[in-house]
PDB file of N, CA and C in Angstrom:
ATOM      1  N   MET A   1     -26.834  -7.893   2.050  1.00  0.00           N
ATOM      2  CA  MET A   1     -25.408  -7.939   1.879  1.00  0.00           C
ATOM      3  C   MET A   1     -24.741  -7.172   3.015  1.00  0.00           C
ATOM      4  N   ALA A   2     -23.738  -7.776   3.630  1.00  0.00           N
ATOM      5  CA  ALA A   2     -23.059  -7.173   4.764  1.00  0.00           C
ATOM      6  C   ALA A   2     -22.108  -6.070   4.305  1.00  0.00           C
ATOM      7  N   LYS A   3     -22.022  -5.045   5.131  1.00  0.00           N
ATOM      8  CA  LYS A   3     -21.132  -3.934   4.828  1.00  0.00           C
ATOM      9  C   LYS A   3     -19.708  -4.298   5.259  1.00  0.00           C
ATOM     10  N   GLN A   4     -18.733  -3.907   4.444  1.00  0.00           N
ATOM     11  CA  GLN A   4     -17.353  -4.217   4.778  1.00  0.00           C
ATOM     12  C   GLN A   4     -16.868  -3.349   5.926  1.00  0.00           C
ATOM     13  N   LYS A   5     -16.082  -3.960   6.809  1.00  0.00           N
ATOM     14  CA  LYS A   5     -15.488  -3.207   7.905  1.00  0.00           C
ATOM     15  C   LYS A   5     -14.275  -2.463   7.399  1.00  0.00           C
ATOM     16  N   ARG A   6     -14.115  -1.257   7.870  1.00  0.00           N
ATOM     17  CA  ARG A   6     -12.933  -0.455   7.545  1.00  0.00           C
ATOM     18  C   ARG A   6     -12.064  -0.410   8.797  1.00  0.00           C
ATOM     19  N   HIS A   7     -10.840  -0.886   8.674  1.00  0.00           N
ATOM     20  CA  HIS A   7      -9.920  -0.885   9.809  1.00  0.00           C
ATOM     21  C   HIS A   7      -8.898   0.233   9.624  1.00  0.00           C
ATOM     22  N   SER A   8      -8.597   0.887  10.719  1.00  0.00           N
ATOM     23  CA  SER A   8      -7.635   1.995  10.665  1.00  0.00           C
ATOM     24  C   SER A   8      -6.213   1.454  10.599  1.00  0.00           C
ATOM     25  N   ALA A   9      -5.306   2.338  10.223  1.00  0.00           N
ATOM     26  CA  ALA A   9      -3.894   1.966  10.151  1.00  0.00           C
ATOM     27  C   ALA A   9      -3.365   1.624  11.542  1.00  0.00           C
ATOM     28  N   THR A  10      -3.900   2.278  12.565  1.00  0.00           N
ATOM     29  CA  THR A  10      -3.458   1.983  13.929  1.00  0.00           C
ATOM     30  C   THR A  10      -3.903   0.601  14.378  1.00  0.00           C
ATOM     31  N   PHE A  11      -4.963   0.088  13.789  1.00  0.00           N
ATOM     32  CA  PHE A  11      -5.400  -1.276  14.073  1.00  0.00           C
ATOM     33  C   PHE A  11      -4.582  -2.285  13.274  1.00  0.00           C
ATOM     34  N   LYS A  12      -4.349  -1.957  12.002  1.00  0.00           N
ATOM     35  CA  LYS A  12      -3.655  -2.887  11.113  1.00  0.00           C
ATOM     36  C   LYS A  12      -2.198  -3.100  11.506  1.00  0.00           C
ATOM     37  N   SER A  13      -1.544  -2.053  11.933  1.00  0.00           N
ATOM     38  CA  SER A  13      -0.107  -2.119  12.209  1.00  0.00           C
ATOM     39  C   SER A  13       0.275  -3.199  13.216  1.00  0.00           C
ATOM     40  N   PRO A  14      -0.329  -3.228  14.404  1.00  0.00           N
ATOM     41  CA  PRO A  14       0.062  -4.279  15.352  1.00  0.00           C
ATOM     42  C   PRO A  14      -0.322  -5.685  14.876  1.00  0.00           C
ATOM     43  N   VAL A  15      -1.395  -5.780  14.110  1.00  0.00           N
ATOM     44  CA  VAL A  15      -1.803  -7.089  13.597  1.00  0.00           C
ATOM     45  C   VAL A  15      -0.753  -7.609  12.613  1.00  0.00           C
ATOM     46  N   VAL A  16      -0.323  -6.759  11.698  1.00  0.00           N
ATOM     47  CA  VAL A  16       0.700  -7.154  10.719  1.00  0.00           C
ATOM     48  C   VAL A  16       2.017  -7.431  11.426  1.00  0.00           C
ATOM     49  N   LEU A  17       2.343  -6.624  12.419  1.00  0.00           N
ATOM     50  CA  LEU A  17       3.569  -6.846  13.179  1.00  0.00           C
ATOM     51  C   LEU A  17       3.540  -8.206  13.864  1.00  0.00           C
ATOM     52  N   GLU A  18       2.397  -8.572  14.373  1.00  0.00           N
ATOM     53  CA  GLU A  18       2.229  -9.887  14.997  1.00  0.00           C
ATOM     54  C   GLU A  18       2.427 -11.001  13.974  1.00  0.00           C
ATOM     55  N   MET A  19       1.954 -10.772  12.753  1.00  0.00           N
ATOM     56  CA  MET A  19       2.163 -11.769  11.689  1.00  0.00           C
ATOM     57  C   MET A  19       3.644 -11.893  11.353  1.00  0.00           C
ATOM     58  N   LEU A  20       4.343 -10.752  11.312  1.00  0.00           N
ATOM     59  CA  LEU A  20       5.761 -10.773  10.958  1.00  0.00           C
ATOM     60  C   LEU A  20       6.617 -11.450  12.029  1.00  0.00           C
ATOM     61  N   LYS A  21       6.188 -11.377  13.274  1.00  0.00           N
ATOM     62  CA  LYS A  21       6.918 -12.042  14.354  1.00  0.00           C
ATOM     63  C   LYS A  21       6.837 -13.560  14.233  1.00  0.00           C
ATOM     64  N   GLU A  22       5.761 -14.055  13.604  1.00  0.00           N
ATOM     65  CA  GLU A  22       5.537 -15.485  13.378  1.00  0.00           C
ATOM     66  C   GLU A  22       5.493 -16.300  14.668  1.00  0.00           C
ATOM     67  N   GLU A  23       4.984 -15.689  15.741  1.00  0.00           N
ATOM     68  CA  GLU A  23       4.816 -16.418  16.992  1.00  0.00           C
ATOM     69  C   GLU A  23       3.504 -17.206  16.988  1.00  0.00           C
ATOM     70  N   LYS A  24       2.562 -16.753  16.180  1.00  0.00           N
ATOM     71  CA  LYS A  24       1.275 -17.422  16.022  1.00  0.00           C
ATOM     72  C   LYS A  24       1.062 -17.680  14.545  1.00  0.00           C
ATOM     73  N   THR A  25       0.183 -18.626  14.251  1.00  0.00           N
ATOM     74  CA  THR A  25      -0.145 -18.883  12.850  1.00  0.00           C
ATOM     75  C   THR A  25      -1.109 -17.809  12.364  1.00  0.00           C
ATOM     76  N   VAL A  26      -1.209 -17.699  11.059  1.00  0.00           N
ATOM     77  CA  VAL A  26      -2.127 -16.730  10.471  1.00  0.00           C
ATOM     78  C   VAL A  26      -3.555 -17.062  10.886  1.00  0.00           C
ATOM     79  N   SER A  27      -3.878 -18.331  10.960  1.00  0.00           N
ATOM     80  CA  SER A  27      -5.229 -18.742  11.377  1.00  0.00           C
ATOM     81  C   SER A  27      -5.528 -18.316  12.803  1.00  0.00           C
ATOM     82  N   GLN A  28      -4.541 -18.428  13.677  1.00  0.00           N
ATOM     83  CA  GLN A  28      -4.742 -18.011  15.072  1.00  0.00           C
ATOM     84  C   GLN A  28      -4.966 -16.497  15.154  1.00  0.00           C
ATOM     85  N   ILE A  29      -4.171 -15.752  14.417  1.00  0.00           N
ATOM     86  CA  ILE A  29      -4.317 -14.292  14.428  1.00  0.00           C
ATOM     87  C   ILE A  29      -5.657 -13.888  13.828  1.00  0.00           C
ATOM     88  N   ALA A  30      -6.055 -14.569  12.753  1.00  0.00           N
ATOM     89  CA  ALA A  30      -7.336 -14.277  12.111  1.00  0.00           C
ATOM     90  C   ALA A  30      -8.493 -14.529  13.072  1.00  0.00           C
ATOM     91  N   ALA A  31      -8.425 -15.636  13.790  1.00  0.00           N
ATOM     92  CA  ALA A  31      -9.484 -15.953  14.748  1.00  0.00           C
ATOM     93  C   ALA A  31      -9.492 -14.954  15.910  1.00  0.00           C
ATOM     94  N   GLU A  32      -8.321 -14.563  16.347  1.00  0.00           N
ATOM     95  CA  GLU A  32      -8.206 -13.646  17.474  1.00  0.00           C
ATOM     96  C   GLU A  32      -8.809 -12.281  17.157  1.00  0.00           C
ATOM     97  N   TYR A  33      -8.578 -11.784  15.954  1.00  0.00           N
ATOM     98  CA  TYR A  33      -9.050 -10.447  15.578  1.00  0.00           C
ATOM     99  C   TYR A  33     -10.339 -10.475  14.759  1.00  0.00           C
ATOM    100  N   GLY A  34     -10.793 -11.665  14.366  1.00  0.00           N
ATOM    101  CA  GLY A  34     -12.024 -11.769  13.591  1.00  0.00           C
ATOM    102  C   GLY A  34     -11.871 -11.257  12.174  1.00  0.00           C
ATOM    103  N   ILE A  35     -10.717 -11.520  11.580  1.00  0.00           N
ATOM    104  CA  ILE A  35     -10.416 -11.056  10.223  1.00  0.00           C
ATOM    105  C   ILE A  35     -10.072 -12.269   9.377  1.00  0.00           C
ATOM    106  N   HIS A  36     -10.518 -12.274   8.141  1.00  0.00           N
ATOM    107  CA  HIS A  36     -10.246 -13.398   7.248  1.00  0.00           C
ATOM    108  C   HIS A  36      -8.741 -13.485   6.958  1.00  0.00           C
ATOM    109  N   PRO A  37      -8.179 -14.693   6.926  1.00  0.00           N
ATOM    110  CA  PRO A  37      -6.743 -14.849   6.676  1.00  0.00           C
ATOM    111  C   PRO A  37      -6.259 -14.217   5.369  1.00  0.00           C
ATOM    112  N   SER A  38      -7.084 -14.251   4.330  1.00  0.00           N
ATOM    113  CA  SER A  38      -6.654 -13.644   3.071  1.00  0.00           C
ATOM    114  C   SER A  38      -6.502 -12.128   3.218  1.00  0.00           C
ATOM    115  N   GLN A  39      -7.343 -11.521   4.046  1.00  0.00           N
ATOM    116  CA  GLN A  39      -7.221 -10.088   4.318  1.00  0.00           C
ATOM    117  C   GLN A  39      -5.906  -9.804   5.047  1.00  0.00           C
ATOM    118  N   LEU A  40      -5.567 -10.668   5.988  1.00  0.00           N
ATOM    119  CA  LEU A  40      -4.305 -10.505   6.714  1.00  0.00           C
ATOM    120  C   LEU A  40      -3.111 -10.607   5.766  1.00  0.00           C
ATOM    121  N   HIS A  41      -3.186 -11.535   4.828  1.00  0.00           N
ATOM    122  CA  HIS A  41      -2.097 -11.680   3.858  1.00  0.00           C
ATOM    123  C   HIS A  41      -1.986 -10.435   2.968  1.00  0.00           C
ATOM    124  N   ARG A  42      -3.123  -9.832   2.611  1.00  0.00           N
ATOM    125  CA  ARG A  42      -3.088  -8.587   1.815  1.00  0.00           C
ATOM    126  C   ARG A  42      -2.431  -7.463   2.605  1.00  0.00           C
ATOM    127  N   TRP A  43      -2.780  -7.337   3.893  1.00  0.00           N
ATOM    128  CA  TRP A  43      -2.188  -6.300   4.729  1.00  0.00           C
ATOM    129  C   TRP A  43      -0.683  -6.512   4.867  1.00  0.00           C
ATOM    130  N   LYS A  44      -0.290  -7.759   5.039  1.00  0.00           N
ATOM    131  CA  LYS A  44       1.126  -8.068   5.184  1.00  0.00           C
ATOM    132  C   LYS A  44       1.876  -7.718   3.897  1.00  0.00           C
ATOM    133  N   ARG A  45       1.318  -8.106   2.751  1.00  0.00           N
ATOM    134  CA  ARG A  45       1.946  -7.815   1.463  1.00  0.00           C
ATOM    135  C   ARG A  45       2.064  -6.304   1.260  1.00  0.00           C
ATOM    136  N   GLN A  46       1.009  -5.587   1.592  1.00  0.00           N
ATOM    137  CA  GLN A  46       1.004  -4.135   1.461  1.00  0.00           C
ATOM    138  C   GLN A  46       2.064  -3.506   2.378  1.00  0.00           C
ATOM    139  N   ALA A  47       2.178  -4.005   3.587  1.00  0.00           N
ATOM    140  CA  ALA A  47       3.170  -3.476   4.527  1.00  0.00           C
ATOM    141  C   ALA A  47       4.582  -3.726   4.016  1.00  0.00           C
ATOM    142  N   LEU A  48       4.835  -4.914   3.509  1.00  0.00           N
ATOM    143  CA  LEU A  48       6.174  -5.240   3.016  1.00  0.00           C
ATOM    144  C   LEU A  48       6.525  -4.450   1.759  1.00  0.00           C
ATOM    145  N   GLU A  49       5.537  -4.181   0.906  1.00  0.00           N
ATOM    146  CA  GLU A  49       5.783  -3.383  -0.296  1.00  0.00           C
ATOM    147  C   GLU A  49       6.117  -1.935   0.052  1.00  0.00           C
ATOM    148  N   ASN A  50       5.492  -1.416   1.098  1.00  0.00           N
ATOM    149  CA  ASN A  50       5.678  -0.016   1.472  1.00  0.00           C
ATOM    150  C   ASN A  50       6.778   0.191   2.512  1.00  0.00           C
ATOM    151  N   PHE A  51       7.358  -0.886   2.989  1.00  0.00           N
ATOM    152  CA  PHE A  51       8.373  -0.797   4.032  1.00  0.00           C
ATOM    153  C   PHE A  51       9.575   0.067   3.643  1.00  0.00           C
ATOM    154  N   PRO A  52      10.134  -0.061   2.444  1.00  0.00           N
ATOM    155  CA  PRO A  52      11.289   0.772   2.089  1.00  0.00           C
ATOM    156  C   PRO A  52      10.993   2.272   2.098  1.00  0.00           C
ATOM    157  N   GLN A  53       9.755   2.655   1.894  1.00  0.00           N
ATOM    158  CA  GLN A  53       9.399   4.075   1.881  1.00  0.00           C
ATOM    159  C   GLN A  53       9.544   4.718   3.255  1.00  0.00           C
ATOM    160  N   LEU A  54       9.528   3.922   4.302  1.00  0.00           N
ATOM    161  CA  LEU A  54       9.692   4.483   5.638  1.00  0.00           C
ATOM    162  C   LEU A  54      11.013   5.239   5.749  1.00  0.00           C
ATOM    163  N   PHE A  55      12.043   4.708   5.124  1.00  0.00           N
ATOM    164  CA  PHE A  55      13.361   5.303   5.241  1.00  0.00           C
ATOM    165  C   PHE A  55      13.571   6.418   4.225  1.00  0.00           C
ATOM    166  N   THR A  56      13.006   6.274   3.047  1.00  0.00           N
ATOM    167  CA  THR A  56      13.170   7.325   2.046  1.00  0.00           C
ATOM    168  C   THR A  56      12.378   8.563   2.428  1.00  0.00           C
ATOM    169  N   GLU A  57      11.216   8.392   3.025  1.00  0.00           N
ATOM    170  CA  GLU A  57      10.425   9.540   3.447  1.00  0.00           C
ATOM    171  C   GLU A  57      11.124  10.294   4.564  1.00  0.00           C
ATOM    172  N   SER A  58      11.768   9.568   5.483  1.00  0.00           N
ATOM    173  CA  SER A  58      12.452  10.257   6.567  1.00  0.00           C
ATOM    174  C   SER A  58      13.635  11.052   6.018  1.00  0.00           C
ATOM    175  N   GLN A  59      14.308  10.523   4.985  1.00  0.00           N
ATOM    176  CA  GLN A  59      15.404  11.269   4.370  1.00  0.00           C
ATOM    177  C   GLN A  59      14.860  12.497   3.654  1.00  0.00           C
ATOM    178  N   ALA A  60      13.737  12.352   2.992  1.00  0.00           N
ATOM    179  CA  ALA A  60      13.130  13.486   2.293  1.00  0.00           C
ATOM    180  C   ALA A  60      12.704  14.557   3.295  1.00  0.00           C
ATOM    181  N   LEU A  61      12.150  14.133   4.418  1.00  0.00           N
ATOM    182  CA  LEU A  61      11.747  15.098   5.445  1.00  0.00           C
ATOM    183  C   LEU A  61      12.966  15.795   6.032  1.00  0.00           C
ATOM    184  N   GLN A  62      14.048  15.054   6.197  1.00  0.00           N
ATOM    185  CA  GLN A  62      15.263  15.648   6.728  1.00  0.00           C
ATOM    186  C   GLN A  62      15.832  16.680   5.755  1.00  0.00           C
ATOM    187  N   GLN A  63      15.819  16.363   4.465  1.00  0.00           N
ATOM    188  CA  GLN A  63      16.291  17.315   3.460  1.00  0.00           C
ATOM    189  C   GLN A  63      15.399  18.550   3.421  1.00  0.00           C
ATOM    190  N   GLN A  64      14.105  18.337   3.551  1.00  0.00           N
ATOM    191  CA  GLN A  64      13.174  19.464   3.548  1.00  0.00           C
ATOM    192  C   GLN A  64      13.408  20.346   4.776  1.00  0.00           C
ATOM    193  N   ALA A  65      13.678  19.754   5.918  1.00  0.00           N
ATOM    194  CA  ALA A  65      13.946  20.525   7.129  1.00  0.00           C
ATOM    195  C   ALA A  65      15.234  21.334   6.982  1.00  0.00           C
ATOM    196  N   GLN A  66      16.255  20.747   6.361  1.00  0.00           N
ATOM    197  CA  GLN A  66      17.506  21.471   6.142  1.00  0.00           C
ATOM    198  C   GLN A  66      17.285  22.654   5.202  1.00  0.00           C
ATOM    199  N   ALA A  67      16.511  22.447   4.144  1.00  0.00           N
ATOM    200  CA  ALA A  67      16.219  23.526   3.202  1.00  0.00           C
ATOM    201  C   ALA A  67      15.440  24.638   3.895  1.00  0.00           C
ATOM    202  N   HIS A  68      14.511  24.259   4.753  1.00  0.00           N
ATOM    203  CA  HIS A  68      13.726  25.238   5.498  1.00  0.00           C
ATOM    204  C   HIS A  68      14.626  26.041   6.426  1.00  0.00           C
ATOM    205  N   GLN A  69      15.540  25.370   7.104  1.00  0.00           N
ATOM    206  CA  GLN A  69      16.454  26.053   8.014  1.00  0.00           C
ATOM    207  C   GLN A  69      17.361  27.023   7.254  1.00  0.00           C
ATOM    208  N   GLN A  70      17.828  26.611   6.086  1.00  0.00           N
ATOM    209  CA  GLN A  70      18.679  27.477   5.271  1.00  0.00           C
ATOM    210  C   GLN A  70      17.902  28.717   4.820  1.00  0.00           C
ATOM    211  N   GLN A  71      16.663  28.515   4.392  1.00  0.00           N
ATOM    212  CA  GLN A  71      15.831  29.638   3.973  1.00  0.00           C
ATOM    213  C   GLN A  71      15.571  30.583   5.143  1.00  0.00           C
ATOM    214  N   LEU A  72      15.343  30.032   6.312  1.00  0.00           N
ATOM    215  CA  LEU A  72      15.105  30.840   7.499  1.00  0.00           C
ATOM    216  C   LEU A  72      16.333  31.688   7.830  1.00  0.00           C
ATOM    217  N   THR A  73      17.511  31.093   7.737  1.00  0.00           N
ATOM    218  CA  THR A  73      18.757  31.826   7.991  1.00  0.00           C
ATOM    219  C   THR A  73      18.923  32.968   6.995  1.00  0.00           C
ATOM    220  N   GLU A  74      18.641  32.692   5.740  1.00  0.00           N
ATOM    221  CA  GLU A  74      18.747  33.728   4.704  1.00  0.00           C
ATOM    222  C   GLU A  74      17.761  34.872   4.952  1.00  0.00           C
ATOM    223  N   LEU A  75      16.554  34.517   5.361  1.00  0.00           N
ATOM    224  CA  LEU A  75      15.549  35.554   5.623  1.00  0.00           C
ATOM    225  C   LEU A  75      15.937  36.426   6.813  1.00  0.00           C
ATOM    226  N   TYR A  76      16.488  35.803   7.865  1.00  0.00           N
ATOM    227  CA  TYR A  76      16.939  36.595   9.013  1.00  0.00           C
ATOM    228  C   TYR A  76      18.081  37.524   8.620  1.00  0.00           C
ATOM    229  N   ALA A  77      18.964  37.047   7.766  1.00  0.00           N
ATOM    230  CA  ALA A  77      20.055  37.894   7.287  1.00  0.00           C
ATOM    231  C   ALA A  77      19.498  39.074   6.506  1.00  0.00           C
ATOM    232  N   GLU A  78      18.501  38.824   5.686  1.00  0.00           N
ATOM    233  CA  GLU A  78      17.874  39.898   4.899  1.00  0.00           C
ATOM    234  C   GLU A  78      17.180  40.903   5.817  1.00  0.00           C
ATOM    235  N   ILE A  79      16.523  40.428   6.862  1.00  0.00           N
ATOM    236  CA  ILE A  79      15.870  41.330   7.823  1.00  0.00           C
ATOM    237  C   ILE A  79      16.899  42.220   8.497  1.00  0.00           C
ATOM    238  N   GLY A  80      18.025  41.631   8.893  1.00  0.00           N
ATOM    239  CA  GLY A  80      19.089  42.415   9.517  1.00  0.00           C
ATOM    240  C   GLY A  80      19.626  43.483   8.585  1.00  0.00           C
ATOM    241  N   LYS A  81      19.833  43.115   7.350  1.00  0.00           N
ATOM    242  CA  LYS A  81      20.345  44.062   6.349  1.00  0.00           C
ATOM    243  C   LYS A  81      19.361  45.211   6.142  1.00  0.00           C
ATOM    244  N   LEU A  82      18.089  44.892   5.980  1.00  0.00           N
ATOM    245  CA  LEU A  82      17.077  45.928   5.746  1.00  0.00           C
ATOM    246  C   LEU A  82      16.902  46.829   6.966  1.00  0.00           C
ATOM    247  N   THR A  83      16.982  46.238   8.151  1.00  0.00           N
ATOM    248  CA  THR A  83      16.867  47.038   9.368  1.00  0.00           C
ATOM    249  C   THR A  83      18.010  48.036   9.449  1.00  0.00           C
ATOM    250  N   THR A  84      19.201  47.597   9.118  1.00  0.00           N
ATOM    251  CA  THR A  84      20.363  48.485   9.120  1.00  0.00           C
ATOM    252  C   THR A  84      20.180  49.606   8.103  1.00  0.00           C
ATOM    253  N   GLN A  85      19.683  49.278   6.929  1.00  0.00           N
ATOM    254  CA  GLN A  85      19.465  50.289   5.898  1.00  0.00           C
ATOM    255  C   GLN A  85      18.426  51.315   6.331  1.00  0.00           C
ATOM    256  N   VAL A  86      17.358  50.881   6.970  1.00  0.00           N
ATOM    257  CA  VAL A  86      16.314  51.796   7.438  1.00  0.00           C
ATOM    258  C   VAL A  86      16.880  52.729   8.499  1.00  0.00           C
ATOM    259  N   GLU A  87      17.642  52.170   9.427  1.00  0.00           N
ATOM    260  CA  GLU A  87      18.248  53.003  10.469  1.00  0.00           C
ATOM    261  C   GLU A  87      19.186  54.046   9.855  1.00  0.00           C
ATOM    262  N   TRP A  88      19.974  53.655   8.869  1.00  0.00           N
ATOM    263  CA  TRP A  88      20.908  54.573   8.207  1.00  0.00           C
ATOM    264  C   TRP A  88      20.146  55.690   7.504  1.00  0.00           C
ATOM    265  N   LEU A  89      19.049  55.307   6.810  1.00  0.00           N
ATOM    266  CA  LEU A  89      18.240  56.316   6.111  1.00  0.00           C
ATOM    267  C   LEU A  89      17.590  57.287   7.088  1.00  0.00           C
ATOM    268  N   LYS A  90      17.144  56.794   8.220  1.00  0.00           N
ATOM    269  CA  LYS A  90      16.547  57.680   9.228  1.00  0.00           C
ATOM    270  C   LYS A  90      17.563  58.701   9.728  1.00  0.00           C
ATOM    271  N   LYS A  91      18.766  58.238   9.984  1.00  0.00           N
ATOM    272  CA  LYS A  91      19.815  59.144  10.473  1.00  0.00           C
ATOM    273  C   LYS A  91      20.182  60.192   9.416  1.00  0.00           C
ATOM    274  N   LYS A  92      20.305  59.767   8.173  1.00  0.00           N
ATOM    275  CA  LYS A  92      20.695  60.682   7.094  1.00  0.00           C
ATOM    276  C   LYS A  92      19.607  61.704   6.769  1.00  0.00           C
ATOM    277  N   SER A  93      18.355  61.304   6.910  1.00  0.00           N
ATOM    278  CA  SER A  93      17.267  62.212   6.546  1.00  0.00           C
ATOM    279  C   SER A  93      16.877  63.139   7.689  1.00  0.00           C
ATOM    280  N   GLY A  94      17.351  62.859   8.892  1.00  0.00           N
ATOM    281  CA  GLY A  94      17.026  63.697  10.038  1.00  0.00           C
ATOM    282  C   GLY A  94      15.679  63.367  10.642  1.00  0.00           C
ATOM    283  N   LEU A  95      15.072  62.235  10.254  1.00  0.00           N
ATOM    284  CA  LEU A  95      13.765  61.838  10.790  1.00  0.00           C
ATOM    285  C   LEU A  95      13.881  61.052  12.084  1.00  0.00           C
ATOM    286  N   ASP A  96      15.072  60.641  12.409  1.00  0.00           N
ATOM    287  CA  ASP A  96      15.266  59.813  13.598  1.00  0.00           C
ATOM    288  C   ASP A  96      15.193  60.714  14.840  1.00  0.00           C
ATOM    289  N   PRO A  97      14.176  60.571  15.691  1.00  0.00           N
ATOM    290  CA  PRO A  97      14.028  61.435  16.854  1.00  0.00           C
ATOM    291  C   PRO A  97      15.100  61.179  17.908  1.00  0.00           C
ATOM    292  N   ASP A  98      15.693  59.993  17.892  1.00  0.00           N
ATOM    293  CA  ASP A  98      16.695  59.636  18.900  1.00  0.00           C
ATOM    294  C   ASP A  98      17.989  59.243  18.209  1.00  0.00           C
ATOM    295  N   PRO A  99      18.772  60.215  17.710  1.00  0.00           N
ATOM    296  CA  PRO A  99      20.016  59.855  17.014  1.00  0.00           C
ATOM    297  C   PRO A  99      21.027  59.302  18.000  1.00  0.00           C
ATOM    298  N   ARG A 100      21.733  58.305  17.597  1.00  0.00           N
ATOM    299  CA  ARG A 100      22.693  57.634  18.496  1.00  0.00           C
ATOM    300  C   ARG A 100      24.078  58.014  18.176  1.00  0.00           C
TER     301      ARG A 100
END
């Protein structure tokens, strides 16, 4: 029994894109790449089903990046506040060797 070939996403993508362009028939593409036409139809169906997620994932990533940036800003503000408090405590306690 022959072992099934595993094709990477980088291989599948241009093949499916070629199918979507409809410049060649599915049989021509199948012969060109040595893949059964039914497999090509499965890849095409899978690509079309997952196509809307391309845009929702980018929006989710954008929201996550905004949340990360907001958290980073808050943390820098907290660092500034704590640094100021430490400097004030050093001056008040007389531990600061270089009072300004």
